Structure formats: C-alpha cells, structure tokens
Amino acid sequence: MFWVRVIEPNVLIISGHQKRISRNIGKYYANLGAKVIIADISQEDRQIIIESLNEKGIKYASITRELCNNDEAREVLYHWLDDCMKFRVVINLAGEEVFNTSRLKDILESQGGILYTV
C-alpha cells in the first residue's frame, strides 16, 4: 500500500484516462489558488497530465502503480480513499461504476464540499 499526503488539499481529480480534461480542470483550479491532486492509476497517463501541469508550475500529488487489470485499479483507488484528507471539490472522471458515490462523499469537507461525477 502507498500513501499520498499533501497539506490542506483543495481539489481531488480522479483522472480515469481523461488526460485533456484532467489537465484542463487541474489548471483551472490551480489558477484559482487551489492545491490540486491528480489521482491516476496509469503511469503513462499520469505523466502526460503532470508534465503538462508542471510546465505551468502547478502543485500536485498523484498515485501510480503498475496494475494488471481494471478491477485491481479500482481496488487501489478505493483503498487510497481511506487515507485521504478532506477535499472541497472531488471530480471523478472515471465514471460512477468505478466508485461508490457515498464513498467519495466521505472525503468531502462537511461545509460546502462539492462532488462531480462524469
């Protein structure tokens, strides 16, 4: 198991192989002053997103791991949520079938947290 810790993160983006969307959303929130976390299982996809954001000096953290299949990918992200801090915004671009909505609501700040699932 691996853990990602960032002080007071504001936005969690679960990429779900939506490289361009993840990059654009990350850039948008970072420009608003948010700390952005990109969570993606694919090392290649994560690298594309992170390198693009890094060129603009955007702060990020990410989780990556070599995985055998989509079920294992879901399991890794599911357990990673156990160790998450609270987020103001969670954007799940991996689809509803990947995560239980109530599970994602657990990591939202109780005052005004927003969850988007695409």
Protein backbone atom coordinates (compact mmCIF):
# COMPACT_ATOMS: atom_id res chain seq x y z
CA MET A 1 0.00 0.00 0.00
CA PHE A 2 1.15 3.56 -0.61
CA TRP A 3 0.06 6.88 0.83
CA VAL A 4 -0.09 10.40 -0.53
CA ARG A 5 -0.14 13.32 1.86
CA VAL A 6 -0.49 16.94 0.91
CA ILE A 7 -1.11 19.72 3.40
CA GLU A 8 -4.65 21.05 3.08
CA PRO A 9 -5.52 19.79 -0.39
CA ASN A 10 -8.45 21.50 -2.02
CA VAL A 11 -9.24 19.54 -5.18
CA LEU A 12 -9.03 15.82 -5.95
CA ILE A 13 -9.28 14.81 -9.61
CA ILE A 14 -9.69 11.09 -10.29
CA SER A 15 -8.48 11.07 -13.85
CA GLY A 16 -9.97 7.93 -15.36
CA HIS A 17 -7.90 8.29 -18.55
CA GLN A 18 -9.38 11.70 -19.35
CA LYS A 19 -5.97 13.29 -19.90
CA ARG A 20 -7.03 16.53 -21.56
CA ILE A 21 -9.98 17.08 -19.22
CA SER A 22 -7.88 16.29 -16.13
CA ARG A 23 -5.19 18.70 -17.25
CA ASN A 24 -7.66 21.49 -18.00
CA ILE A 25 -9.58 21.07 -14.75
CA GLY A 26 -6.31 20.91 -12.79
CA LYS A 27 -5.09 24.08 -14.45
CA TYR A 28 -8.40 25.85 -13.81
CA TYR A 29 -8.44 25.12 -10.09
CA ALA A 30 -4.71 25.77 -9.65
CA ASN A 31 -5.18 29.19 -11.25
CA LEU A 32 -7.83 29.85 -8.59
CA GLY A 33 -5.18 29.12 -5.95
CA ALA A 34 -6.22 25.56 -5.11
CA LYS A 35 -3.81 22.76 -4.41
CA VAL A 36 -4.68 20.03 -6.90
CA ILE A 37 -4.23 16.28 -6.54
CA ILE A 38 -4.39 14.16 -9.69
CA ALA A 39 -5.11 10.51 -8.96
CA ASP A 40 -4.50 8.18 -11.88
CA ILE A 41 -3.57 4.52 -11.97
CA SER A 42 -1.78 4.62 -15.32
CA GLN A 43 1.81 5.85 -15.03
CA GLU A 44 1.82 6.91 -18.67
CA ASP A 45 -1.41 8.90 -18.40
CA ARG A 46 -0.36 10.47 -15.12
CA GLN A 47 2.97 11.51 -16.60
CA ILE A 48 1.26 13.27 -19.51
CA ILE A 49 -1.04 15.20 -17.18
CA ILE A 50 1.59 16.05 -14.56
CA GLU A 51 4.26 17.15 -17.05
CA SER A 52 1.75 19.44 -18.71
CA LEU A 53 0.75 20.98 -15.39
CA ASN A 54 4.35 21.19 -14.17
CA GLU A 55 5.26 23.37 -17.12
CA LYS A 56 2.92 25.94 -15.61
CA GLY A 57 4.21 25.49 -12.06
CA ILE A 58 1.05 23.85 -10.75
CA LYS A 59 1.40 21.92 -7.48
CA TYR A 60 0.17 18.35 -7.48
CA ALA A 61 0.41 14.93 -5.93
CA SER A 62 -0.56 11.69 -7.57
CA ILE A 63 -0.82 7.97 -7.04
CA THR A 64 0.50 5.48 -9.54
CA ARG A 65 1.08 1.79 -9.57
CA GLU A 66 1.52 -0.88 -12.22
CA LEU A 67 -1.72 -2.85 -12.33
CA CYS A 68 -2.89 -6.00 -14.05
CA ASN A 69 -6.49 -5.04 -14.77
CA ASN A 70 -9.28 -2.53 -14.19
CA ASP A 71 -10.56 -4.37 -11.11
CA GLU A 72 -7.20 -4.01 -9.42
CA ALA A 73 -7.10 -0.33 -10.40
CA ARG A 74 -10.49 0.24 -8.77
CA GLU A 75 -9.35 -1.56 -5.62
CA VAL A 76 -6.19 0.57 -5.30
CA LEU A 77 -8.08 3.85 -5.58
CA TYR A 78 -10.86 2.59 -3.31
CA HIS A 79 -8.39 1.83 -0.51
CA TRP A 80 -6.43 5.01 -1.15
CA LEU A 81 -9.55 6.99 -0.24
CA ASP A 82 -9.31 5.58 3.30
CA ASP A 83 -6.23 7.71 3.90
CA CYS A 84 -7.41 10.89 2.20
CA MET A 85 -7.86 14.16 3.95
CA LYS A 86 -10.94 16.26 3.30
CA PHE A 87 -11.40 17.97 -0.05
CA ARG A 88 -13.51 20.96 -1.06
CA VAL A 89 -14.00 19.58 -4.56
CA VAL A 90 -13.83 15.99 -5.83
CA ILE A 91 -14.07 15.44 -9.58
CA ASN A 92 -14.49 11.81 -10.59
CA LEU A 93 -13.82 11.45 -14.32
CA ALA A 94 -13.65 7.67 -14.07
CA GLY A 95 -17.42 7.19 -14.07
CA GLU A 96 -19.91 6.17 -11.43
CA GLU A 97 -19.21 2.46 -11.83
CA VAL A 98 -15.67 2.95 -10.52
CA PHE A 99 -16.55 4.39 -7.13
CA ASN A 100 -19.47 4.28 -4.77
CA THR A 101 -20.79 7.84 -4.59
CA SER A 102 -21.22 7.68 -0.82
CA ARG A 103 -17.55 6.70 -0.52
CA LEU A 104 -16.48 9.86 -2.34
CA LYS A 105 -18.84 11.97 -0.22
CA ASP A 106 -16.97 10.76 2.87
CA ILE A 107 -13.85 12.69 1.83
CA LEU A 108 -15.67 15.96 1.14
CA GLU A 109 -15.48 18.77 3.64
CA SER A 110 -18.72 18.83 5.59
CA GLN A 111 -19.21 22.54 4.92
CA GLY A 112 -19.77 23.12 1.22
CA GLY A 113 -17.90 20.20 -0.31
CA ILE A 114 -18.80 19.51 -3.95
CA LEU A 115 -18.69 16.19 -5.83
CA TYR A 116 -18.83 15.95 -9.62
CA THR A 117 -19.01 12.56 -11.33
CA VAL A 118 -18.74 12.38 -15.12
